[in-house]
Protein backbone atom coordinates (compact mmCIF):
# COMPACT_ATOMS: atom_id res chain seq x y z
CA MET A 1 0.68 -19.65 14.45
CA ILE A 2 1.92 -16.51 12.69
CA ARG A 3 2.60 -14.83 16.02
CA GLU A 4 4.48 -17.90 17.25
CA ARG A 5 6.70 -17.87 14.18
CA TYR A 6 7.27 -14.12 13.72
CA GLY A 7 6.44 -12.61 17.10
CA ARG A 8 4.14 -9.68 17.79
CA PHE A 9 3.57 -7.05 15.16
CA ASP A 10 3.52 -3.31 15.85
CA ARG A 11 0.08 -1.78 15.92
CA HIS A 12 1.03 0.48 13.01
CA LEU A 13 3.15 -0.53 10.03
CA ARG A 14 4.55 2.52 8.29
CA PHE A 15 4.65 2.23 4.50
CA ASP A 16 7.97 4.04 4.25
CA LYS A 17 9.52 1.41 6.54
CA LEU A 18 7.98 -1.45 4.55
CA GLU A 19 9.13 0.06 1.26
CA ARG A 20 12.66 0.59 2.59
CA LEU A 21 12.88 -3.06 3.74
CA LEU A 22 11.57 -4.33 0.41
CA THR A 23 13.98 -2.13 -1.55
CA ARG A 24 16.92 -3.57 0.41
CA ARG A 25 15.76 -6.98 -0.81
CA GLY A 26 15.55 -5.81 -4.41
CA LEU A 27 11.75 -5.54 -4.49
CA HIS A 28 10.05 -2.36 -5.63
CA MET A 29 6.48 -1.15 -5.26
CA GLU A 30 4.63 0.60 -8.07
CA ASP A 31 2.05 3.31 -7.50
CA VAL A 32 -1.40 2.43 -8.83
CA PRO A 33 -4.14 5.02 -9.41
CA ASP A 34 -7.08 4.37 -7.12
CA PRO A 35 -10.55 5.93 -6.74
CA ASN A 36 -9.98 6.30 -2.98
CA ALA A 37 -7.20 8.86 -3.47
CA PRO A 38 -6.14 11.05 -1.79
CA ALA A 39 -7.57 9.45 1.37
CA TYR A 40 -5.81 6.17 0.50
CA LYS A 41 -2.95 5.31 -1.83
CA LEU A 42 -2.52 1.97 -3.59
CA HIS A 43 0.86 0.34 -4.26
CA TRP A 44 1.64 -2.95 -6.03
CA GLN A 45 4.55 -5.37 -6.07
CA PRO A 46 4.55 -7.04 -9.53
CA ALA A 47 6.54 -10.21 -8.75
CA SER A 48 4.35 -11.20 -5.80
CA GLN A 49 1.16 -9.52 -7.11
CA VAL A 50 0.59 -8.14 -3.62
CA SER A 51 -1.12 -4.78 -3.22
CA VAL A 52 -0.74 -2.46 -0.26
CA MET A 53 -3.32 0.20 0.64
CA VAL A 54 -1.86 3.11 2.62
CA CYS A 55 -3.58 5.90 4.52
CA GLY A 56 -3.10 8.96 2.35
CA SER A 57 -3.04 12.65 2.91
CA PRO A 58 -6.55 14.10 3.11
CA GLU A 59 -6.94 17.79 2.36
CA ARG A 60 -7.99 18.95 5.83
CA GLU A 61 -6.97 16.22 8.25
CA ALA A 62 -3.64 15.29 9.80
CA ARG A 63 -5.08 11.97 10.99
CA ARG A 64 -7.54 9.45 9.62
CA ARG A 65 -10.38 7.87 11.58
CA GLY A 66 -9.56 6.17 14.85
CA SER A 67 -5.89 5.50 15.35
CA GLU A 68 -4.94 5.47 11.65
CA ARG A 69 -2.12 7.82 10.76
CA ILE A 70 -1.11 9.13 7.37
CA GLY A 71 1.46 6.72 5.97
CA ASP A 72 0.17 3.68 7.89
CA VAL A 73 -0.43 0.47 5.94
CA TYR A 74 -4.20 0.02 5.94
CA ALA A 75 -4.41 -3.32 4.11
CA VAL A 76 -2.27 -5.90 2.35
CA SER A 77 -3.99 -7.99 -0.31
CA SER A 78 -3.08 -10.74 -2.71
CA SER A 79 -3.32 -11.36 -5.66
CA MET A 80 -3.64 -8.25 -7.77
CA SER A 81 -2.89 -9.24 -11.35
CA ALA A 82 -1.08 -7.10 -13.90
CA GLU A 83 -4.37 -6.96 -15.81
CA ARG A 84 -6.12 -5.47 -12.78
CA VAL A 85 -3.35 -2.88 -12.38
CA ALA A 86 -3.71 -1.99 -16.09
CA TRP A 87 -7.46 -1.63 -15.58
CA HIS A 88 -6.90 0.74 -12.62
CA ARG A 89 -4.48 2.79 -14.72
CA SER A 90 -6.87 3.04 -17.67
CA ARG A 91 -9.87 3.79 -15.46
CA TYR A 92 -8.35 6.16 -12.90
CA GLY A 93 -5.44 7.66 -14.85
CA GLY A 94 -1.71 7.75 -14.45
CA HIS A 95 0.48 5.47 -16.45
CA ASP A 96 3.77 6.02 -14.64
CA ALA A 97 4.94 3.44 -12.16
């Protein structure tokens, strides 16, 4: 049903493209500290409480496993509450959004 409504999706969704499209619509993503860094980066959109996990920049590799590329969206999840984001920040550091 999703494909019928929206068409086919590209195999890889680049986070910079997603972020650019969201910014044009007045939505901004916040960085959230995550224990999987630097292999993966976590971002959060407060109004929707959606989190986006992105393939990060490992020390020695230009590519992740399989066909994953640095900057690709790895997962989109809902709902990540503000309390959960605060917990990540207190547990893994970084208080800047």
